[in-house]
N, C-alpha and C. Protein backbone atom coordinates (compact mmCIF):
# COMPACT_ATOMS: atom_id res chain seq x y z
N MET A 1 31.21 -23.28 -3.78
CA MET A 1 30.43 -23.05 -4.07
C MET A 1 29.68 -21.92 -3.78
N LEU A 2 29.21 -20.37 -4.56
CA LEU A 2 29.06 -19.59 -4.11
C LEU A 2 27.26 -19.42 -3.99
N LEU A 3 27.01 -18.79 -3.00
CA LEU A 3 25.20 -18.61 -2.93
C LEU A 3 24.57 -17.33 -3.88
N GLU A 4 23.97 -17.48 -4.68
CA GLU A 4 23.10 -16.40 -5.62
C GLU A 4 22.63 -15.62 -4.37
N GLU A 5 22.78 -14.60 -4.03
CA GLU A 5 21.21 -13.42 -3.27
C GLU A 5 20.58 -13.08 -4.01
N LYS A 6 19.24 -12.94 -3.33
CA LYS A 6 18.09 -13.70 -4.16
C LYS A 6 18.17 -11.93 -4.29
N PRO A 7 17.31 -11.95 -5.73
CA PRO A 7 17.53 -10.65 -6.12
C PRO A 7 15.53 -9.85 -4.86
N SER A 8 15.85 -8.30 -5.12
CA SER A 8 15.45 -7.44 -4.48
C SER A 8 13.81 -7.51 -5.25
N PRO A 9 13.19 -7.27 -4.18
CA PRO A 9 12.10 -7.52 -4.65
C PRO A 9 11.36 -6.95 -5.73
N LEU A 10 10.53 -6.88 -6.58
CA LEU A 10 9.51 -5.49 -7.68
C LEU A 10 8.93 -5.35 -6.17
N ILE A 11 8.40 -4.14 -6.38
CA ILE A 11 7.38 -3.23 -5.18
C ILE A 11 6.38 -2.08 -6.47
N ILE A 12 5.10 -2.78 -5.51
CA ILE A 12 4.65 -2.35 -6.55
C ILE A 12 3.83 -1.31 -4.80
N PHE A 13 3.33 0.33 -6.14
CA PHE A 13 2.99 1.26 -4.76
C PHE A 13 1.56 0.87 -5.76
N THR A 14 -0.16 0.93 -5.21
CA THR A 14 -1.07 0.93 -5.31
C THR A 14 -1.41 3.19 -4.50
N VAL A 15 -2.20 3.22 -5.54
CA VAL A 15 -2.36 5.24 -5.77
C VAL A 15 -3.67 4.93 -6.48
N GLY A 16 -4.81 4.65 -5.24
CA GLY A 16 -6.11 5.11 -5.44
C GLY A 16 -7.43 5.30 -4.07
N THR A 17 -8.02 5.78 -4.52
CA THR A 17 -8.76 6.23 -3.67
C THR A 17 -9.51 4.89 -2.58
N SER A 18 -10.07 5.48 -1.65
CA SER A 18 -10.90 4.50 -1.03
C SER A 18 -11.77 3.80 -2.00
N ALA A 19 -11.97 2.08 -2.02
CA ALA A 19 -13.19 1.00 -2.71
C ALA A 19 -12.59 1.60 -4.73
N SER A 20 -11.59 1.76 -4.49
CA SER A 20 -11.10 1.79 -6.06
C SER A 20 -10.94 0.98 -6.69
N GLY A 21 -10.77 -0.12 -5.64
CA GLY A 21 -10.02 -1.99 -6.13
C GLY A 21 -8.98 -2.55 -5.61
N LYS A 22 -8.17 -1.51 -5.00
CA LYS A 22 -6.62 -1.85 -4.60
C LYS A 22 -6.78 -2.99 -3.96
N SER A 23 -6.74 -3.20 -3.40
CA SER A 23 -6.70 -4.64 -2.17
C SER A 23 -7.64 -6.39 -3.19
N THR A 24 -8.83 -5.68 -4.21
CA THR A 24 -9.60 -6.43 -4.92
C THR A 24 -8.19 -6.73 -5.22
N TRP A 25 -7.98 -6.05 -6.39
CA TRP A 25 -6.40 -6.31 -7.20
C TRP A 25 -4.92 -6.83 -6.68
N ALA A 26 -4.82 -6.42 -5.73
CA ALA A 26 -3.47 -7.20 -5.04
C ALA A 26 -3.69 -8.69 -4.38
N ARG A 27 -4.75 -9.09 -3.73
CA ARG A 27 -4.97 -10.45 -4.00
C ARG A 27 -5.33 -11.42 -5.14
N ALA A 28 -5.75 -10.25 -6.03
CA ALA A 28 -5.63 -10.73 -7.52
C ALA A 28 -4.77 -11.81 -8.25
N MET A 29 -3.56 -10.45 -7.84
CA MET A 29 -2.34 -10.17 -8.08
C MET A 29 -1.74 -11.90 -7.49
N GLN A 30 -1.58 -11.77 -6.33
CA GLN A 30 -1.50 -13.90 -5.64
C GLN A 30 -1.76 -14.27 -5.89
N SER A 31 -3.30 -14.57 -6.10
CA SER A 31 -4.13 -15.52 -6.95
C SER A 31 -3.30 -15.98 -8.53
N GLN A 32 -3.32 -15.20 -9.49
CA GLN A 32 -2.92 -16.07 -10.45
C GLN A 32 -1.73 -16.10 -10.56
N TYR A 33 -0.49 -14.93 -9.98
CA TYR A 33 0.62 -15.87 -9.92
C TYR A 33 1.01 -16.54 -8.66
N SER A 34 0.68 -16.82 -7.93
CA SER A 34 0.58 -18.51 -7.26
C SER A 34 2.12 -18.71 -7.44
N SER A 35 2.63 -19.07 -8.31
CA SER A 35 3.96 -19.58 -8.06
C SER A 35 5.52 -18.67 -7.59
N LEU A 36 4.62 -16.88 -7.61
CA LEU A 36 5.57 -16.01 -6.61
C LEU A 36 5.07 -15.72 -5.91
N ASN A 37 6.04 -15.42 -4.88
CA ASN A 37 5.99 -15.04 -3.40
C ASN A 37 5.67 -13.69 -3.51
N ILE A 38 4.21 -13.28 -3.70
CA ILE A 38 4.02 -12.58 -3.39
C ILE A 38 3.13 -11.25 -1.75
N HIS A 39 3.81 -10.52 -1.01
CA HIS A 39 2.93 -9.96 -0.11
C HIS A 39 2.60 -8.57 -0.21
N VAL A 40 1.39 -8.91 0.12
CA VAL A 40 0.01 -7.42 0.40
C VAL A 40 0.35 -7.25 1.97
N ILE A 41 0.61 -5.95 1.69
CA ILE A 41 0.91 -4.93 2.65
C ILE A 41 -0.09 -3.92 2.90
N GLU A 42 -1.17 -4.12 4.42
CA GLU A 42 -1.81 -3.17 4.09
C GLU A 42 -2.40 -2.45 5.45
N ARG A 43 -2.35 -0.66 6.09
CA ARG A 43 -2.56 0.09 6.99
C ARG A 43 -4.23 -0.64 7.05
N ASP A 44 -4.66 -0.50 6.71
CA ASP A 44 -5.91 -1.00 6.72
C ASP A 44 -6.63 -2.61 7.59
N ALA A 45 -5.39 -3.36 6.29
CA ALA A 45 -5.23 -4.67 6.96
C ALA A 45 -4.69 -5.08 8.64
N ILE A 46 -3.73 -3.97 8.98
CA ILE A 46 -3.05 -3.89 10.52
C ILE A 46 -3.48 -3.35 11.15
N ARG A 47 -4.69 -2.20 11.20
CA ARG A 47 -5.40 -1.80 12.42
C ARG A 47 -7.05 -2.54 12.32
N ALA A 48 -7.05 -3.26 11.37
CA ALA A 48 -8.07 -4.45 11.72
C ALA A 48 -7.48 -4.81 12.82
N ALA A 49 -6.24 -5.77 12.29
CA ALA A 49 -5.99 -6.66 13.72
C ALA A 49 -5.81 -6.68 14.50
N LEU A 50 -5.20 -4.85 14.66
CA LEU A 50 -4.92 -4.71 16.29
C LEU A 50 -6.48 -4.45 16.66
N TYR A 51 -6.91 -3.69 15.71
CA TYR A 51 -8.67 -3.96 16.90
C TYR A 51 -9.67 -4.73 16.97
N TYR A 52 -8.92 -5.68 16.38
CA TYR A 52 -9.72 -6.88 16.81
C TYR A 52 -9.32 -7.71 18.28
N GLU A 53 -7.64 -7.43 18.04
CA GLU A 53 -6.65 -7.76 19.20
C GLU A 53 -7.12 -7.39 20.53
N ALA A 54 -7.69 -5.89 20.28
CA ALA A 54 -8.15 -5.47 21.56
C ALA A 54 -8.98 -5.51 21.95
N SER A 55 -10.19 -4.95 21.45
CA SER A 55 -11.82 -5.18 21.33
C SER A 55 -12.15 -6.83 21.15
N GLY A 56 -11.51 -7.47 20.28
CA GLY A 56 -12.00 -9.04 20.06
C GLY A 56 -13.17 -8.70 19.00
N GLN A 57 -13.43 -7.46 18.47
CA GLN A 57 -14.47 -7.37 18.03
C GLN A 57 -14.11 -6.74 16.07
N PRO A 58 -14.68 -6.66 15.32
CA PRO A 58 -14.34 -6.24 13.69
C PRO A 58 -14.31 -5.12 13.89
N PHE A 59 -13.48 -4.55 12.76
CA PHE A 59 -12.86 -3.39 12.70
C PHE A 59 -13.93 -2.80 12.54
N SER A 60 -14.16 -1.06 13.28
CA SER A 60 -14.86 -0.03 12.82
C SER A 60 -14.19 1.40 13.06
N TRP A 61 -14.54 1.59 11.91
CA TRP A 61 -13.52 2.99 11.82
C TRP A 61 -14.91 4.06 12.70
N LYS A 62 -15.55 3.87 12.80
CA LYS A 62 -16.19 4.75 13.90
C LYS A 62 -15.40 4.90 15.12
N THR A 63 -15.05 3.56 15.94
CA THR A 63 -14.33 3.95 16.94
C THR A 63 -13.25 3.44 17.00
N TRP A 64 -12.13 3.53 16.13
CA TRP A 64 -11.32 3.36 15.91
C TRP A 64 -10.22 4.92 16.90
N ASP A 65 -9.21 3.79 17.82
CA ASP A 65 -8.43 4.82 18.12
C ASP A 65 -7.22 6.18 17.30
N LYS A 66 -7.74 7.35 16.16
CA LYS A 66 -6.41 7.49 15.94
C LYS A 66 -4.98 7.70 16.85
N ALA A 67 -5.04 7.85 18.47
CA ALA A 67 -3.93 7.37 18.35
C ALA A 67 -3.27 6.45 18.15
N GLN A 68 -3.89 5.39 17.53
CA GLN A 68 -2.74 4.28 17.18
C GLN A 68 -2.20 4.49 16.20
N GLU A 69 -3.02 5.21 15.43
CA GLU A 69 -2.10 5.23 13.63
C GLU A 69 -0.32 5.34 14.20
N ASP A 70 0.26 5.84 15.38
CA ASP A 70 1.97 5.79 15.47
C ASP A 70 2.06 4.91 15.11
N HIS A 71 1.15 3.27 15.90
CA HIS A 71 1.32 2.12 16.03
C HIS A 71 1.29 1.30 14.76
N VAL A 72 0.40 1.17 14.12
CA VAL A 72 -0.15 1.33 13.00
C VAL A 72 1.16 1.61 11.72
N GLN A 73 1.81 2.51 11.84
CA GLN A 73 2.76 2.57 10.92
C GLN A 73 4.07 2.42 11.35
N SER A 74 4.38 2.37 12.42
CA SER A 74 5.47 1.41 12.97
C SER A 74 5.39 -0.97 12.32
N LEU A 75 3.83 -0.80 12.61
CA LEU A 75 3.56 -2.40 12.61
C LEU A 75 4.35 -2.53 10.91
N TRP A 76 3.52 -1.67 10.65
CA TRP A 76 3.71 -1.62 8.79
C TRP A 76 5.65 -1.64 7.94
N GLU A 77 5.96 -0.69 8.63
CA GLU A 77 7.43 -0.75 8.38
C GLU A 77 8.31 -1.78 9.03
N GLU A 78 7.49 -2.48 9.63
CA GLU A 78 8.61 -3.94 10.77
C GLU A 78 7.96 -5.34 9.31
N THR A 79 6.55 -4.76 8.97
CA THR A 79 6.39 -6.00 8.30
C THR A 79 7.13 -5.62 6.98
N ILE A 80 6.62 -4.70 6.61
CA ILE A 80 7.80 -4.06 4.87
C ILE A 80 8.88 -4.85 5.07
N ARG A 81 9.81 -4.96 6.36
CA ARG A 81 11.15 -4.76 6.66
C ARG A 81 11.51 -6.24 6.34
N GLN A 82 10.53 -6.95 7.17
CA GLN A 82 10.50 -8.72 6.74
C GLN A 82 10.41 -9.13 5.52
N ALA A 83 9.36 -8.49 4.87
CA ALA A 83 8.94 -9.10 3.45
C ALA A 83 9.72 -8.66 2.00
N ILE A 84 10.46 -7.35 2.66
CA ILE A 84 11.75 -7.23 1.36
C ILE A 84 12.94 -8.40 1.37
N MET A 85 13.38 -8.70 2.16
CA MET A 85 13.51 -10.14 2.59
C MET A 85 13.30 -11.18 2.05
N GLU A 86 11.92 -11.61 1.83
CA GLU A 86 11.21 -12.34 1.86
C GLU A 86 11.25 -12.34 0.46
N ALA A 87 10.01 -11.40 -0.59
CA ALA A 87 9.02 -11.46 -1.55
C ALA A 87 10.10 -11.09 -2.73
N ASP A 88 8.97 -11.99 -3.59
CA ASP A 88 9.62 -11.62 -5.04
C ASP A 88 8.85 -10.68 -5.58
N VAL A 89 8.05 -10.19 -5.48
CA VAL A 89 7.35 -9.07 -5.56
C VAL A 89 6.37 -8.36 -4.01
N LEU A 90 6.58 -7.40 -4.18
CA LEU A 90 6.40 -6.48 -2.68
C LEU A 90 5.17 -5.97 -2.50
N ILE A 91 3.83 -5.53 -2.43
CA ILE A 91 2.30 -5.20 -3.36
C ILE A 91 1.99 -4.22 -2.35
N ILE A 92 2.06 -2.97 -2.33
CA ILE A 92 2.10 -1.93 -0.62
C ILE A 92 0.49 -1.39 -1.20
N ALA A 93 -0.37 -1.94 -0.79
CA ALA A 93 -1.85 -1.38 -0.98
C ALA A 93 -2.87 -0.72 -0.35
N ASP A 94 -1.83 0.75 -0.78
CA ASP A 94 -2.54 1.80 0.17
C ASP A 94 -2.99 3.11 -0.32
N THR A 95 -3.90 3.91 0.01
CA THR A 95 -4.03 4.74 -1.16
C THR A 95 -3.40 5.85 -1.41
N HIS A 96 -2.13 5.67 -1.41
CA HIS A 96 -0.29 6.73 -1.56
C HIS A 96 -1.15 7.72 -2.38
N LEU A 97 -2.31 8.78 -1.90
CA LEU A 97 -2.82 9.51 -2.55
C LEU A 97 -1.81 11.06 -2.91
N ASP A 98 -0.52 11.37 -1.84
CA ASP A 98 -0.25 12.24 -1.50
C ASP A 98 1.80 11.65 -2.30
N PRO A 99 1.48 12.39 -3.33
CA PRO A 99 3.28 12.32 -4.33
C PRO A 99 4.23 12.48 -3.31
N GLU A 100 4.24 13.93 -2.27
CA GLU A 100 5.35 14.64 -1.18
C GLU A 100 5.55 13.56 -0.50
N ARG A 101 4.33 11.91 0.38
CA ARG A 101 5.03 11.81 1.59
C ARG A 101 4.88 10.02 0.63
N LEU A 102 4.71 10.03 -0.63
CA LEU A 102 5.10 8.72 -1.84
C LEU A 102 6.63 9.23 -1.81
N ALA A 103 7.21 9.65 -2.00
CA ALA A 103 9.19 9.45 -2.29
C ALA A 103 9.65 8.88 -0.88
N PRO A 104 9.37 10.06 0.14
CA PRO A 104 10.21 9.10 1.21
C PRO A 104 10.29 7.67 1.53
N TYR A 105 8.79 7.45 1.38
CA TYR A 105 8.77 5.99 1.84
C TYR A 105 9.64 4.91 0.10
N ALA A 106 9.22 5.51 -0.80
CA ALA A 106 10.51 5.15 -1.69
C ALA A 106 11.34 5.06 -1.60
N GLU A 107 12.37 5.85 -1.24
CA GLU A 107 13.97 6.32 -0.87
C GLU A 107 14.21 5.14 0.18
N TRP A 108 12.93 5.25 1.83
CA TRP A 108 12.62 4.18 2.73
C TRP A 108 13.54 2.77 2.33
N ILE A 109 12.34 2.50 1.74
CA ILE A 109 13.04 1.06 0.80
C ILE A 109 13.86 0.67 0.50
N ARG A 110 13.87 1.86 -0.49
CA ARG A 110 15.58 1.45 -1.10
C ARG A 110 16.57 1.14 -0.01
N SER A 111 16.38 2.06 1.18
CA SER A 111 17.85 1.82 2.64
C SER A 111 17.98 0.68 2.79
N LEU A 112 16.64 -0.04 2.62
CA LEU A 112 16.64 -1.60 3.25
C LEU A 112 17.48 -2.11 2.88
N ARG A 113 17.70 -2.52 1.58
CA ARG A 113 18.39 -3.04 0.82
C ARG A 113 20.27 -2.96 1.19
N THR A 114 20.41 -3.43 2.13
CA THR A 114 21.74 -3.76 2.25
C THR A 114 22.76 -3.94 1.23
N THR A 115 22.31 -5.01 0.79
CA THR A 115 23.23 -5.82 -0.36
C THR A 115 22.71 -5.77 -1.96
N GLY A 116 23.51 -5.95 -3.02
CA GLY A 116 22.80 -5.90 -3.82
C GLY A 116 22.04 -5.20 -4.92
N SER A 117 21.42 -5.02 -5.93
CA SER A 117 20.72 -3.42 -6.52
C SER A 117 19.24 -3.24 -5.55
N ASP A 118 19.30 -2.24 -5.97
CA ASP A 118 17.95 -1.48 -5.83
C ASP A 118 16.76 -1.99 -6.15
N PRO A 119 15.19 -2.69 -4.90
CA PRO A 119 14.14 -2.60 -5.93
C PRO A 119 13.35 -1.86 -7.00
N GLU A 120 13.38 -2.53 -8.01
CA GLU A 120 12.14 -2.26 -9.03
C GLU A 120 11.32 -1.52 -8.24
N MET A 121 11.08 -0.05 -8.41
CA MET A 121 9.21 0.22 -7.72
C MET A 121 8.55 0.53 -9.65
N ILE A 122 7.00 0.50 -9.57
CA ILE A 122 6.39 1.18 -10.02
C ILE A 122 4.50 0.96 -9.13
N ILE A 123 4.37 1.83 -10.27
CA ILE A 123 3.51 2.27 -9.58
C ILE A 123 1.34 0.89 -10.09
N GLN A 124 0.77 0.60 -9.64
CA GLN A 124 -0.69 0.68 -10.10
C GLN A 124 -0.96 1.57 -9.33
N TYR A 125 -1.66 2.40 -10.44
CA TYR A 125 -2.74 3.28 -10.84
C TYR A 125 -3.88 2.99 -11.12
N PHE A 126 -4.89 3.45 -10.07
CA PHE A 126 -6.50 2.76 -9.34
C PHE A 126 -7.22 4.63 -10.38
N SER A 127 -7.61 4.68 -11.83
CA SER A 127 -7.67 5.97 -12.23
C SER A 127 -9.47 6.52 -11.49
N SER A 128 -9.12 7.74 -11.22
CA SER A 128 -10.67 8.02 -10.46
C SER A 128 -12.13 7.33 -10.88
N ILE A 129 -12.39 6.78 -11.09
CA ILE A 129 -13.74 6.06 -10.83
C ILE A 129 -15.93 7.73 -10.92
N PRO A 130 -16.73 7.96 -11.26
CA PRO A 130 -17.30 8.16 -10.57
C PRO A 130 -17.75 8.22 -9.26
N LEU A 131 -18.06 9.57 -8.75
CA LEU A 131 -18.28 9.18 -7.64
C LEU A 131 -19.49 8.16 -6.68
N ILE A 132 -20.50 8.36 -7.77
CA ILE A 132 -21.67 7.99 -7.64
C ILE A 132 -21.38 5.88 -7.14
N ASP A 133 -20.07 5.67 -8.28
CA ASP A 133 -20.09 4.20 -8.31
C ASP A 133 -18.80 4.17 -6.80
N LEU A 134 -18.39 5.44 -6.33
CA LEU A 134 -17.12 4.30 -5.29
C LEU A 134 -18.37 4.78 -4.34
N ILE A 135 -19.06 5.69 -4.13
CA ILE A 135 -20.07 5.45 -3.24
C ILE A 135 -21.00 3.92 -3.16
N ARG A 136 -21.40 3.60 -3.98
CA ARG A 136 -22.10 2.79 -4.10
C ARG A 136 -20.75 1.23 -3.88
N ARG A 137 -20.10 1.12 -3.68
CA ARG A 137 -18.62 0.59 -3.82
C ARG A 137 -18.79 0.43 -2.65
N ASP A 138 -18.62 1.47 -1.79
CA ASP A 138 -18.27 1.62 -0.16
C ASP A 138 -19.24 1.24 0.60
N GLN A 139 -20.39 1.02 -0.27
CA GLN A 139 -21.69 1.52 1.08
C GLN A 139 -21.69 -0.76 1.31
N GLY A 140 -21.17 -1.27 -0.05
CA GLY A 140 -21.04 -2.85 -0.14
C GLY A 140 -19.93 -3.14 1.12
N ARG A 141 -19.24 -2.23 1.42
CA ARG A 141 -17.84 -2.65 1.69
C ARG A 141 -18.36 -3.04 3.63
N VAL A 142 -17.34 -4.25 4.56
CA VAL A 142 -17.66 -3.67 5.91
C VAL A 142 -17.11 -2.58 6.48
N ASN A 143 -15.74 -1.87 6.08
CA ASN A 143 -15.38 -0.71 7.03
C ASN A 143 -15.36 0.54 6.10
N SER A 144 -16.99 0.88 5.52
CA SER A 144 -16.82 1.51 4.53
C SER A 144 -16.36 3.13 5.49
N VAL A 145 -15.84 3.69 4.58
CA VAL A 145 -15.20 5.15 4.97
C VAL A 145 -16.35 6.86 4.55
N GLY A 146 -17.72 5.81 4.02
CA GLY A 146 -18.24 6.61 3.78
C GLY A 146 -17.94 8.33 2.50
N GLY A 147 -19.13 9.15 1.88
CA GLY A 147 -19.26 9.54 0.77
C GLY A 147 -18.54 11.46 1.19
N ALA A 148 -17.94 12.03 2.21
CA ALA A 148 -17.22 12.80 2.62
C ALA A 148 -16.19 12.06 2.16
N VAL A 149 -15.26 11.27 2.95
CA VAL A 149 -14.13 10.87 2.68
C VAL A 149 -13.41 10.42 1.16
N LEU A 150 -14.03 10.13 0.82
CA LEU A 150 -14.47 9.28 -0.55
C LEU A 150 -14.35 10.64 -1.50
N ARG A 151 -14.99 12.27 -1.13
CA ARG A 151 -14.98 12.79 -1.83
C ARG A 151 -13.51 14.02 -1.39
N GLU A 152 -13.13 14.06 -0.53
CA GLU A 152 -12.24 14.97 -0.55
C GLU A 152 -10.83 13.90 -0.87
N GLN A 153 -10.56 12.33 -0.80
CA GLN A 153 -10.35 11.64 -2.22
C GLN A 153 -9.57 11.92 -3.30
N LEU A 154 -10.80 12.23 -3.81
CA LEU A 154 -11.27 11.82 -4.97
C LEU A 154 -10.51 13.28 -5.69
N GLN A 155 -10.56 14.53 -4.81
CA GLN A 155 -9.84 16.05 -5.15
C GLN A 155 -8.09 15.54 -4.76
N ARG A 156 -8.11 14.70 -4.22
CA ARG A 156 -6.65 15.32 -4.07
C ARG A 156 -5.67 14.35 -5.02
N LEU A 157 -6.49 13.22 -5.59
CA LEU A 157 -6.36 12.83 -6.20
C LEU A 157 -5.49 12.91 -7.10
N GLN A 158 -3.87 12.80 -7.60
CA GLN A 158 -3.20 13.39 -9.05
C GLN A 158 -3.55 12.88 -9.75
N PRO A 159 -3.07 13.92 -11.19
CA PRO A 159 -2.80 12.31 -12.31
C PRO A 159 -1.57 10.86 -12.79
N GLU A 160 -1.06 9.72 -12.59
CA GLU A 160 -0.61 9.23 -12.42
C GLU A 160 0.54 9.23 -12.49
N GLU A 161 1.29 10.22 -13.87
CA GLU A 161 3.20 10.68 -13.60
C GLU A 161 3.28 11.83 -12.15
N HIS A 162 2.61 11.95 -11.53
CA HIS A 162 3.25 12.53 -10.63
C HIS A 162 3.86 11.81 -9.26
N TYR A 163 2.56 10.71 -9.47
CA TYR A 163 3.05 9.15 -8.40
C TYR A 163 4.93 8.44 -8.93
N TRP A 164 4.44 8.28 -10.46
CA TRP A 164 5.69 8.02 -10.75
C TRP A 164 6.74 8.53 -10.36
N ARG A 165 6.99 10.23 -9.95
CA ARG A 165 8.07 10.94 -10.34
C ARG A 165 8.46 10.92 -8.88
N ALA A 166 7.55 10.59 -8.39
CA ALA A 166 7.62 10.43 -6.87
C ALA A 166 8.37 9.21 -6.23
N ILE A 167 8.62 7.96 -6.87
CA ILE A 167 9.37 6.78 -6.89
C ILE A 167 10.24 6.44 -7.45
N GLU A 168 10.84 7.90 -8.58
CA GLU A 168 12.24 7.17 -9.06
C GLU A 168 12.80 8.72 -9.25
N SER A 169 12.28 10.40 -8.30
CA SER A 169 12.90 10.90 -8.04
C SER A 169 14.22 10.96 -7.68
N LYS A 170 14.69 10.26 -6.47
CA LYS A 170 15.78 10.53 -5.83
C LYS A 170 16.71 9.63 -6.59
N ARG A 171 16.53 8.20 -6.99
CA ARG A 171 16.98 7.51 -7.92
C ARG A 171 17.52 8.71 -9.13
N THR A 172 16.87 9.00 -10.00
CA THR A 172 17.53 9.74 -11.12
C THR A 172 18.11 11.00 -10.71
N SER A 173 17.98 11.04 -9.36
CA SER A 173 18.76 12.56 -9.51
C SER A 173 20.30 12.32 -8.66
N GLN A 174 20.74 11.11 -8.19
CA GLN A 174 21.96 10.30 -7.83
C GLN A 174 22.43 10.53 -8.82
């Protein structure tokens, strides 16, 4: 009897500013679809774990050592490598505001599957909401990023189709 290979997971990239609801949506998907093995991967969660491990304190952007970002990236990649073999759905719940950076991530994830079909990739786009509403949401969060960061992120947020093109670009050109 041949064992069937586990199908590639559905990969969902979130796109949106801080405080737009990406993490809340991802956790809601885990609850709503509890019969699926949904992994949520967020750089913010990795930062928080590293920070707590080093300081015993809850994460703070004010005292975060940005020199740790390479380590965060390495842990993020390792977490994705593991999850892609186990998950039915993999939600990568980060801002992903730059389509030019998103495209190589999509290609890298495709390269992780050595057998079977390429994973299907989609975008969950969180359209911009008024700045004042983002600031209110942000102020209610434990690790707020502040109005200046939110303004800069709103300026960088592009139309949804740019992100779809980024995850589809290499596959359709081959």
